[in-house]
C-alpha atoms as a PDB file:
ATOM      1  CA  UNK A   1       9.289 -11.769   8.449  1.00  0.00           C
ATOM      2  CA  UNK A   2       6.059 -11.954  10.467  1.00  0.00           C
ATOM      3  CA  UNK A   3       5.394  -8.265   9.859  1.00  0.00           C
ATOM      4  CA  UNK A   4       6.058  -8.734   6.141  1.00  0.00           C
ATOM      5  CA  UNK A   5       3.466 -11.529   6.120  1.00  0.00           C
ATOM      6  CA  UNK A   6       0.957  -9.225   7.863  1.00  0.00           C
ATOM      7  CA  UNK A   7       1.243 -11.300  11.033  1.00  0.00           C
ATOM      8  CA  UNK A   8       3.140  -8.860  13.288  1.00  0.00           C
ATOM      9  CA  UNK A   9       3.517  -9.577  16.986  1.00  0.00           C
ATOM     10  CA  UNK A  10       1.184  -7.471  19.091  1.00  0.00           C
ATOM     11  CA  UNK A  11       3.430  -7.734  22.120  1.00  0.00           C
ATOM     12  CA  UNK A  12       6.976  -8.755  23.047  1.00  0.00           C
ATOM     13  CA  UNK A  13       7.552 -10.178  26.526  1.00  0.00           C
ATOM     14  CA  UNK A  14      11.036 -10.696  27.958  1.00  0.00           C
ATOM     15  CA  UNK A  15      11.625 -12.887  30.989  1.00  0.00           C
ATOM     16  CA  UNK A  16       9.352 -14.785  33.374  1.00  0.00           C
ATOM     17  CA  UNK A  17       6.657 -12.106  33.609  1.00  0.00           C
ATOM     18  CA  UNK A  18       3.745 -14.289  34.711  1.00  0.00           C
ATOM     19  CA  UNK A  19       1.149 -11.503  34.930  1.00  0.00           C
ATOM     20  CA  UNK A  20       2.015 -10.098  31.497  1.00  0.00           C
ATOM     21  CA  UNK A  21       1.872 -13.573  29.965  1.00  0.00           C
ATOM     22  CA  UNK A  22      -1.451 -14.291  31.631  1.00  0.00           C
ATOM     23  CA  UNK A  23      -2.991 -11.154  30.136  1.00  0.00           C
ATOM     24  CA  UNK A  24      -1.499 -11.829  26.698  1.00  0.00           C
ATOM     25  CA  UNK A  25      -2.854 -15.384  26.607  1.00  0.00           C
ATOM     26  CA  UNK A  26      -6.212 -14.333  28.035  1.00  0.00           C
ATOM     27  CA  UNK A  27      -6.626 -11.649  25.367  1.00  0.00           C
ATOM     28  CA  UNK A  28      -5.538 -14.043  22.623  1.00  0.00           C
ATOM     29  CA  UNK A  29      -2.737 -11.787  21.427  1.00  0.00           C
ATOM     30  CA  UNK A  30      -0.093 -12.767  18.917  1.00  0.00           C
ATOM     31  CA  UNK A  31       2.875 -12.474  21.249  1.00  0.00           C
ATOM     32  CA  UNK A  32       6.607 -13.211  21.097  1.00  0.00           C
ATOM     33  CA  UNK A  33       7.777 -14.669  24.413  1.00  0.00           C
ATOM     34  CA  UNK A  34      11.501 -14.817  25.175  1.00  0.00           C
ATOM     35  CA  UNK A  35      11.550 -16.575  28.545  1.00  0.00           C
ATOM     36  CA  UNK A  36      15.296 -16.135  28.968  1.00  0.00           C
ATOM     37  CA  UNK A  37      15.300 -12.525  27.848  1.00  0.00           C
ATOM     38  CA  UNK A  38      17.219 -10.849  25.053  1.00  0.00           C
ATOM     39  CA  UNK A  39      20.947 -11.183  24.459  1.00  0.00           C
ATOM     40  CA  UNK A  40      21.273  -7.402  24.167  1.00  0.00           C
ATOM     41  CA  UNK A  41      19.436  -6.669  27.438  1.00  0.00           C
ATOM     42  CA  UNK A  42      20.870  -8.062  30.652  1.00  0.00           C
ATOM     43  CA  UNK A  43      17.828  -7.090  32.735  1.00  0.00           C
ATOM     44  CA  UNK A  44      15.937 -10.345  32.126  1.00  0.00           C
ATOM     45  CA  UNK A  45      18.668 -12.298  30.374  1.00  0.00           C
ATOM     46  CA  UNK A  46      19.238 -15.855  31.598  1.00  0.00           C
ATOM     47  CA  UNK A  47      22.616 -17.122  30.446  1.00  0.00           C
ATOM     48  CA  UNK A  48      24.917 -17.910  33.384  1.00  0.00           C
ATOM     49  CA  UNK A  49      24.275 -20.066  36.453  1.00  0.00           C
ATOM     50  CA  UNK A  50      23.789 -16.904  38.506  1.00  0.00           C
ATOM     51  CA  UNK A  51      21.167 -15.743  36.002  1.00  0.00           C
ATOM     52  CA  UNK A  52      19.307 -19.038  36.434  1.00  0.00           C
ATOM     53  CA  UNK A  53      19.353 -18.657  40.204  1.00  0.00           C
ATOM     54  CA  UNK A  54      17.973 -15.133  39.901  1.00  0.00           C
ATOM     55  CA  UNK A  55      15.235 -16.114  37.432  1.00  0.00           C
ATOM     56  CA  UNK A  56      14.099 -19.296  39.153  1.00  0.00           C
ATOM     57  CA  UNK A  57      15.497 -19.513  42.670  1.00  0.00           C
ATOM     58  CA  UNK A  58      13.168 -21.657  44.770  1.00  0.00           C
ATOM     59  CA  UNK A  59      10.174 -20.775  42.606  1.00  0.00           C
ATOM     60  CA  UNK A  60       8.943 -22.540  39.522  1.00  0.00           C
ATOM     61  CA  UNK A  61       7.460 -19.735  37.391  1.00  0.00           C
ATOM     62  CA  UNK A  62       7.377 -22.009  34.359  1.00  0.00           C
ATOM     63  CA  UNK A  63       4.523 -24.006  35.892  1.00  0.00           C
ATOM     64  CA  UNK A  64       2.267 -20.954  36.025  1.00  0.00           C
ATOM     65  CA  UNK A  65       3.394 -19.812  32.580  1.00  0.00           C
ATOM     66  CA  UNK A  66       2.822 -23.171  30.893  1.00  0.00           C
ATOM     67  CA  UNK A  67      -0.514 -23.607  32.658  1.00  0.00           C
ATOM     68  CA  UNK A  68      -1.722 -20.450  30.887  1.00  0.00           C
ATOM     69  CA  UNK A  69      -0.272 -21.812  27.658  1.00  0.00           C
ATOM     70  CA  UNK A  70      -2.422 -24.931  27.848  1.00  0.00           C
ATOM     71  CA  UNK A  71      -5.259 -22.879  26.316  1.00  0.00           C
ATOM     72  CA  UNK A  72      -3.183 -21.382  23.488  1.00  0.00           C
ATOM     73  CA  UNK A  73      -1.097 -22.961  20.727  1.00  0.00           C
ATOM     74  CA  UNK A  74       2.615 -22.193  21.013  1.00  0.00           C
ATOM     75  CA  UNK A  75       5.480 -22.444  18.539  1.00  0.00           C
ATOM     76  CA  UNK A  76       8.689 -23.390  20.361  1.00  0.00           C
ATOM     77  CA  UNK A  77      11.801 -21.987  18.728  1.00  0.00           C
ATOM     78  CA  UNK A  78      15.361 -22.246  19.980  1.00  0.00           C
ATOM     79  CA  UNK A  79      14.384 -24.835  22.604  1.00  0.00           C
ATOM     80  CA  UNK A  80      16.098 -28.209  22.706  1.00  0.00           C
ATOM     81  CA  UNK A  81      13.022 -29.744  24.367  1.00  0.00           C
ATOM     82  CA  UNK A  82      15.269 -32.492  25.668  1.00  0.00           C
ATOM     83  CA  UNK A  83      15.823 -33.198  29.352  1.00  0.00           C
ATOM     84  CA  UNK A  84      15.268 -29.604  30.406  1.00  0.00           C
ATOM     85  CA  UNK A  85      13.042 -27.675  32.778  1.00  0.00           C
ATOM     86  CA  UNK A  86      10.434 -26.797  30.138  1.00  0.00           C
ATOM     87  CA  UNK A  87       9.883 -30.446  29.220  1.00  0.00           C
ATOM     88  CA  UNK A  88       9.607 -31.511  32.868  1.00  0.00           C
ATOM     89  CA  UNK A  89       6.919 -28.889  33.452  1.00  0.00           C
ATOM     90  CA  UNK A  90       5.050 -29.937  30.298  1.00  0.00           C
ATOM     91  CA  UNK A  91       5.194 -33.585  31.390  1.00  0.00           C
ATOM     92  CA  UNK A  92       3.773 -32.695  34.791  1.00  0.00           C
ATOM     93  CA  UNK A  93       0.920 -30.616  33.346  1.00  0.00           C
ATOM     94  CA  UNK A  94       0.121 -33.244  30.712  1.00  0.00           C
ATOM     95  CA  UNK A  95      -0.127 -35.912  33.416  1.00  0.00           C
ATOM     96  CA  UNK A  96      -2.332 -33.599  35.483  1.00  0.00           C
ATOM     97  CA  UNK A  97      -4.712 -33.001  32.576  1.00  0.00           C
ATOM     98  CA  UNK A  98      -4.921 -36.709  31.800  1.00  0.00           C
ATOM     99  CA  UNK A  99      -5.623 -37.370  35.472  1.00  0.00           C
ATOM    100  CA  UNK A 100      -8.594 -35.022  35.255  1.00  0.00           C
ATOM    101  CA  UNK A 101      -9.718 -36.835  32.103  1.00  0.00           C
ATOM    102  CA  UNK A 102      -9.424 -33.691  30.020  1.00  0.00           C
ATOM    103  CA  UNK A 103     -10.709 -34.037  26.472  1.00  0.00           C
ATOM    104  CA  UNK A 104      -7.260 -33.528  25.031  1.00  0.00           C
ATOM    105  CA  UNK A 105      -4.082 -31.534  25.210  1.00  0.00           C
ATOM    106  CA  UNK A 106      -3.740 -28.219  23.434  1.00  0.00           C
ATOM    107  CA  UNK A 107      -1.646 -28.835  20.339  1.00  0.00           C
ATOM    108  CA  UNK A 108       1.670 -26.972  20.280  1.00  0.00           C
ATOM    109  CA  UNK A 109       4.404 -26.893  17.636  1.00  0.00           C
ATOM    110  CA  UNK A 110       8.198 -26.827  17.666  1.00  0.00           C
ATOM    111  CA  UNK A 111      10.859 -26.300  15.012  1.00  0.00           C
ATOM    112  CA  UNK A 112      13.524 -28.825  15.956  1.00  0.00           C
ATOM    113  CA  UNK A 113      16.509 -30.559  14.388  1.00  0.00           C
ATOM    114  CA  UNK A 114      15.825 -34.089  13.175  1.00  0.00           C
ATOM    115  CA  UNK A 115      18.061 -36.659  14.911  1.00  0.00           C
ATOM    116  CA  UNK A 116      20.470 -38.392  12.569  1.00  0.00           C
ATOM    117  CA  UNK A 117      19.717 -41.911  13.835  1.00  0.00           C
ATOM    118  CA  UNK A 118      16.355 -43.449  12.970  1.00  0.00           C
ATOM    119  CA  UNK A 119      15.765 -45.022  16.392  1.00  0.00           C
ATOM    120  CA  UNK A 120      16.479 -41.735  18.178  1.00  0.00           C
ATOM    121  CA  UNK A 121      14.173 -39.928  15.756  1.00  0.00           C
ATOM    122  CA  UNK A 122      11.278 -42.292  16.534  1.00  0.00           C
ATOM    123  CA  UNK A 123      11.801 -41.997  20.287  1.00  0.00           C
ATOM    124  CA  UNK A 124      12.013 -38.217  20.203  1.00  0.00           C
ATOM    125  CA  UNK A 125       8.999 -37.891  17.910  1.00  0.00           C
ATOM    126  CA  UNK A 126       6.912 -40.074  20.233  1.00  0.00           C
ATOM    127  CA  UNK A 127       7.952 -38.142  23.322  1.00  0.00           C
ATOM    128  CA  UNK A 128       7.128 -34.745  21.837  1.00  0.00           C
ATOM    129  CA  UNK A 129       3.781 -36.035  20.588  1.00  0.00           C
ATOM    130  CA  UNK A 130       2.947 -37.333  24.070  1.00  0.00           C
ATOM    131  CA  UNK A 131       3.509 -33.788  25.357  1.00  0.00           C
ATOM    132  CA  UNK A 132       1.064 -32.368  22.825  1.00  0.00           C
ATOM    133  CA  UNK A 133       3.868 -30.960  20.636  1.00  0.00           C
ATOM    134  CA  UNK A 134       3.900 -31.534  16.888  1.00  0.00           C
ATOM    135  CA  UNK A 135       7.520 -31.279  15.736  1.00  0.00           C
ATOM    136  CA  UNK A 136       8.406 -29.473  12.520  1.00  0.00           C
ATOM    137  CA  UNK A 137      11.658 -31.194  11.611  1.00  0.00           C
ATOM    138  CA  UNK A 138      14.531 -29.733   9.637  1.00  0.00           C
ATOM    139  CA  UNK A 139      17.429 -31.901   8.374  1.00  0.00           C
ATOM    140  CA  UNK A 140      20.303 -32.641  10.716  1.00  0.00           C
ATOM    141  CA  UNK A 141      22.809 -29.800  10.844  1.00  0.00           C
ATOM    142  CA  UNK A 142      20.939 -27.530   8.421  1.00  0.00           C
ATOM    143  CA  UNK A 143      20.129 -24.806  10.939  1.00  0.00           C
ATOM    144  CA  UNK A 144      19.892 -22.201   8.198  1.00  0.00           C
ATOM    145  CA  UNK A 145      16.548 -23.709   7.228  1.00  0.00           C
ATOM    146  CA  UNK A 146      14.931 -22.325  10.392  1.00  0.00           C
ATOM    147  CA  UNK A 147      14.546 -18.878   8.825  1.00  0.00           C
ATOM    148  CA  UNK A 148      13.090 -20.441   5.666  1.00  0.00           C
ATOM    149  CA  UNK A 149      10.580 -22.438   7.710  1.00  0.00           C
ATOM    150  CA  UNK A 150       9.516 -19.361   9.667  1.00  0.00           C
ATOM    151  CA  UNK A 151       9.075 -17.360   6.473  1.00  0.00           C
ATOM    152  CA  UNK A 152       6.933 -20.125   4.986  1.00  0.00           C
ATOM    153  CA  UNK A 153       4.810 -20.518   8.123  1.00  0.00           C
ATOM    154  CA  UNK A 154       4.246 -16.780   8.463  1.00  0.00           C
ATOM    155  CA  UNK A 155       3.177 -16.481   4.831  1.00  0.00           C
ATOM    156  CA  UNK A 156       0.958 -19.574   4.712  1.00  0.00           C
ATOM    157  CA  UNK A 157      -0.704 -19.595   8.107  1.00  0.00           C
ATOM    158  CA  UNK A 158      -4.491 -19.652   7.972  1.00  0.00           C
ATOM    159  CA  UNK A 159      -6.454 -16.451   7.669  1.00  0.00           C
ATOM    160  CA  UNK A 160      -7.344 -14.440  10.735  1.00  0.00           C
ATOM    161  CA  UNK A 161     -10.294 -15.882  12.623  1.00  0.00           C
ATOM    162  CA  UNK A 162     -11.866 -12.467  13.231  1.00  0.00           C
ATOM    163  CA  UNK A 163     -13.004 -10.329  10.284  1.00  0.00           C
ATOM    164  CA  UNK A 164     -13.867  -6.680  10.693  1.00  0.00           C
ATOM    165  CA  UNK A 165     -12.631  -3.615  12.544  1.00  0.00           C
ATOM    166  CA  UNK A 166     -12.793  -4.911  16.112  1.00  0.00           C
ATOM    167  CA  UNK A 167     -12.097  -1.990  18.484  1.00  0.00           C
ATOM    168  CA  UNK A 168      -8.737  -2.090  20.201  1.00  0.00           C
ATOM    169  CA  UNK A 169      -8.561  -2.401  23.952  1.00  0.00           C
ATOM    170  CA  UNK A 170      -8.796   0.995  25.650  1.00  0.00           C
ATOM    171  CA  UNK A 171      -5.845   2.292  27.671  1.00  0.00           C
ATOM    172  CA  UNK A 172      -5.527   0.703  31.123  1.00  0.00           C
ATOM    173  CA  UNK A 173      -8.047  -1.988  30.189  1.00  0.00           C
ATOM    174  CA  UNK A 174      -8.799  -4.363  33.072  1.00  0.00           C
ATOM    175  CA  UNK A 175      -9.757  -7.975  32.492  1.00  0.00           C
ATOM    176  CA  UNK A 176     -13.398  -8.712  33.326  1.00  0.00           C
ATOM    177  CA  UNK A 177     -13.091 -12.432  33.922  1.00  0.00           C
ATOM    178  CA  UNK A 178     -16.508 -12.965  35.542  1.00  0.00           C
ATOM    179  CA  UNK A 179     -18.530 -11.108  32.903  1.00  0.00           C
ATOM    180  CA  UNK A 180     -16.497 -12.619  30.067  1.00  0.00           C
ATOM    181  CA  UNK A 181     -16.951 -16.157  31.403  1.00  0.00           C
ATOM    182  CA  UNK A 182     -20.707 -15.635  31.789  1.00  0.00           C
ATOM    183  CA  UNK A 183     -21.093 -14.288  28.262  1.00  0.00           C
ATOM    184  CA  UNK A 184     -18.864 -17.026  26.841  1.00  0.00           C
ATOM    185  CA  UNK A 185     -20.931 -19.673  28.588  1.00  0.00           C
ATOM    186  CA  UNK A 186     -24.193 -18.353  27.143  1.00  0.00           C
ATOM    187  CA  UNK A 187     -22.732 -18.132  23.675  1.00  0.00           C
ATOM    188  CA  UNK A 188     -21.171 -21.590  23.629  1.00  0.00           C
ATOM    189  CA  UNK A 189     -23.976 -23.511  25.346  1.00  0.00           C
ATOM    190  CA  UNK A 190     -26.850 -21.720  23.631  1.00  0.00           C
ATOM    191  CA  UNK A 191     -29.358 -22.799  26.280  1.00  0.00           C
ATOM    192  CA  UNK A 192     -29.767 -19.531  28.182  1.00  0.00           C
ATOM    193  CA  UNK A 193     -33.088 -17.669  28.260  1.00  0.00           C
ATOM    194  CA  UNK A 194     -31.404 -14.646  26.652  1.00  0.00           C
ATOM    195  CA  UNK A 195     -30.653 -16.621  23.493  1.00  0.00           C
ATOM    196  CA  UNK A 196     -32.901 -16.161  20.490  1.00  0.00           C
ATOM    197  CA  UNK A 197     -32.884 -18.810  17.780  1.00  0.00           C
ATOM    198  CA  UNK A 198     -32.756 -17.300  14.301  1.00  0.00           C
ATOM    199  CA  UNK A 199     -32.549 -20.004  11.661  1.00  0.00           C
ATOM    200  CA  UNK A 200     -29.614 -22.154  12.701  1.00  0.00           C
ATOM    201  CA  UNK A 201     -27.881 -19.431  14.717  1.00  0.00           C
ATOM    202  CA  UNK A 202     -27.999 -18.152  18.279  1.00  0.00           C
ATOM    203  CA  UNK A 203     -28.230 -14.455  19.173  1.00  0.00           C
ATOM    204  CA  UNK A 204     -27.015 -13.179  22.543  1.00  0.00           C
ATOM    205  CA  UNK A 205     -27.905  -9.655  23.629  1.00  0.00           C
ATOM    206  CA  UNK A 206     -25.897  -7.505  26.045  1.00  0.00           C
ATOM    207  CA  UNK A 207     -27.819  -4.616  27.590  1.00  0.00           C
ATOM    208  CA  UNK A 208     -26.617  -1.655  29.610  1.00  0.00           C
ATOM    209  CA  UNK A 209     -26.305   2.107  29.790  1.00  0.00           C
ATOM    210  CA  UNK A 210     -23.979   3.933  27.449  1.00  0.00           C
ATOM    211  CA  UNK A 211     -20.352   3.849  28.512  1.00  0.00           C
ATOM    212  CA  UNK A 212     -20.505   0.792  30.776  1.00  0.00           C
ATOM    213  CA  UNK A 213     -18.315  -1.250  28.441  1.00  0.00           C
ATOM    214  CA  UNK A 214     -20.649  -3.363  26.292  1.00  0.00           C
ATOM    215  CA  UNK A 215     -18.558  -2.880  23.154  1.00  0.00           C
ATOM    216  CA  UNK A 216     -15.301  -3.522  25.003  1.00  0.00           C
ATOM    217  CA  UNK A 217     -16.723  -6.745  26.445  1.00  0.00           C
ATOM    218  CA  UNK A 218     -17.987  -7.903  23.048  1.00  0.00           C
ATOM    219  CA  UNK A 219     -14.589  -7.140  21.496  1.00  0.00           C
ATOM    220  CA  UNK A 220     -12.863  -9.141  24.233  1.00  0.00           C
ATOM    221  CA  UNK A 221     -15.167 -12.051  23.434  1.00  0.00           C
ATOM    222  CA  UNK A 222     -13.959 -12.117  19.809  1.00  0.00           C
ATOM    223  CA  UNK A 223     -10.377 -12.513  21.076  1.00  0.00           C
ATOM    224  CA  UNK A 224     -11.265 -15.324  23.480  1.00  0.00           C
ATOM    225  CA  UNK A 225      -9.467 -18.555  22.432  1.00  0.00           C
ATOM    226  CA  UNK A 226     -12.404 -20.786  23.437  1.00  0.00           C
ATOM    227  CA  UNK A 227     -14.813 -18.737  21.328  1.00  0.00           C
ATOM    228  CA  UNK A 228     -12.441 -18.738  18.354  1.00  0.00           C
ATOM    229  CA  UNK A 229     -12.056 -22.489  18.644  1.00  0.00           C
ATOM    230  CA  UNK A 230     -15.849 -22.921  18.696  1.00  0.00           C
ATOM    231  CA  UNK A 231     -16.246 -20.862  15.490  1.00  0.00           C
ATOM    232  CA  UNK A 232     -13.372 -22.045  13.248  1.00  0.00           C
ATOM    233  CA  UNK A 233     -15.074 -20.726  10.107  1.00  0.00           C
ATOM    234  CA  UNK A 234     -14.736 -17.154  11.332  1.00  0.00           C
ATOM    235  CA  UNK A 235     -16.084 -14.422  13.585  1.00  0.00           C
ATOM    236  CA  UNK A 236     -17.511 -11.348  11.854  1.00  0.00           C
ATOM    237  CA  UNK A 237     -17.588  -7.924  13.483  1.00  0.00           C
ATOM    238  CA  UNK A 238     -20.187  -5.519  12.083  1.00  0.00           C
ATOM    239  CA  UNK A 239     -21.104  -2.140  13.556  1.00  0.00           C
ATOM    240  CA  UNK A 240     -24.837  -1.500  13.176  1.00  0.00           C
ATOM    241  CA  UNK A 241     -25.999   2.065  13.871  1.00  0.00           C
ATOM    242  CA  UNK A 242     -29.515   3.260  14.678  1.00  0.00           C
ATOM    243  CA  UNK A 243     -30.024   3.964  10.978  1.00  0.00           C
ATOM    244  CA  UNK A 244     -27.875   1.260   9.390  1.00  0.00           C
ATOM    245  CA  UNK A 245     -26.892   0.938   5.771  1.00  0.00           C
ATOM    246  CA  UNK A 246     -28.230  -2.592   5.415  1.00  0.00           C
ATOM    247  CA  UNK A 247     -27.097  -3.015   1.825  1.00  0.00           C
ATOM    248  CA  UNK A 248     -23.577  -1.973   2.754  1.00  0.00           C
ATOM    249  CA  UNK A 249     -23.532  -4.397   5.690  1.00  0.00           C
ATOM    250  CA  UNK A 250     -24.808  -7.259   3.548  1.00  0.00           C
ATOM    251  CA  UNK A 251     -22.186  -6.536   0.899  1.00  0.00           C
ATOM    252  CA  UNK A 252     -19.514  -6.565   3.599  1.00  0.00           C
ATOM    253  CA  UNK A 253     -20.701 -10.016   4.661  1.00  0.00           C
ATOM    254  CA  UNK A 254     -20.564 -11.098   1.019  1.00  0.00           C
ATOM    255  CA  UNK A 255     -16.877 -10.131   0.936  1.00  0.00           C
ATOM    256  CA  UNK A 256     -16.213 -12.372   3.941  1.00  0.00           C
ATOM    257  CA  UNK A 257     -18.456 -15.135   2.559  1.00  0.00           C
ATOM    258  CA  UNK A 258     -17.566 -15.221  -1.139  1.00  0.00           C
ATOM    259  CA  UNK A 259     -19.749 -18.284  -1.789  1.00  0.00           C
ATOM    260  CA  UNK A 260     -22.807 -16.102  -1.162  1.00  0.00           C
ATOM    261  CA  UNK A 261     -22.213 -14.087  -4.318  1.00  0.00           C
ATOM    262  CA  UNK A 262     -22.265 -10.321  -4.468  1.00  0.00           C
ATOM    263  CA  UNK A 263     -21.821  -7.478  -4.583  1.00  0.00           C
ATOM    264  CA  UNK A 264     -25.566  -6.921  -4.405  1.00  0.00           C
ATOM    265  CA  UNK A 265     -27.504  -4.011  -5.866  1.00  0.00           C
ATOM    266  CA  UNK A 266     -30.494  -4.236  -3.518  1.00  0.00           C
ATOM    267  CA  UNK A 267     -31.450  -5.599  -0.110  1.00  0.00           C
ATOM    268  CA  UNK A 268     -33.931  -8.011  -1.710  1.00  0.00           C
ATOM    269  CA  UNK A 269     -31.194  -9.463  -3.904  1.00  0.00           C
ATOM    270  CA  UNK A 270     -28.927  -9.896  -0.889  1.00  0.00           C
ATOM    271  CA  UNK A 271     -31.659 -11.540   1.198  1.00  0.00           C
ATOM    272  CA  UNK A 272     -32.375 -13.999  -1.610  1.00  0.00           C
ATOM    273  CA  UNK A 273     -28.727 -15.020  -1.942  1.00  0.00           C
END
């Protein structure tokens, strides 16, 4: 249903693979995470008590996993979110963030069954909200509505934040945390000497020899969750050559910004819009 709605998952992760989850969250991928594996694959499947011992043992991989998730919105599906391990970890991390006076918890979502009793419903709703989870309730016992809810959400979710043909990550791409953090900081603060004010915008330039990875770094920046959150109206990717077709580029922007009018027949007309 997500593929039909043009929202296919870019990656599917089975089990408590902390490193794979870290990379997926860092790159802002649309990823399906099945922490307890797949029923048809016993490799990472967690079903019996022995499976739990193998997956967790004396470790607590969920803490590392959910810490990464604090920067990305999640949709919990098939989780009771009652008195279980996931909720205990979320409670601990939420208390930690509040102790550091964080601005606010990342908002997550969960499709859960509505309790039949009103008092239980209020208590459960309050507890999930305190954890930063917004419940999407379906009527008691009507589990068949889960598929309908997923179909609706996939079809009506907001448009993609990034517009344009952003280059895919090259094979064996390595995260460049230091460079990405530096570039993100300059872009979001706007007070660096490399920033040029043009109207109400800020321009950041990245210099370097050919082949050092400027385009790859810029593409990674468009996928960064903090950058996407800072530009909720959209991020536009345009490729400008040494001899650019300015009219074509301006008309492409007009497609993404329909209030600007267009298509334009001349550069002067586009500049005046």
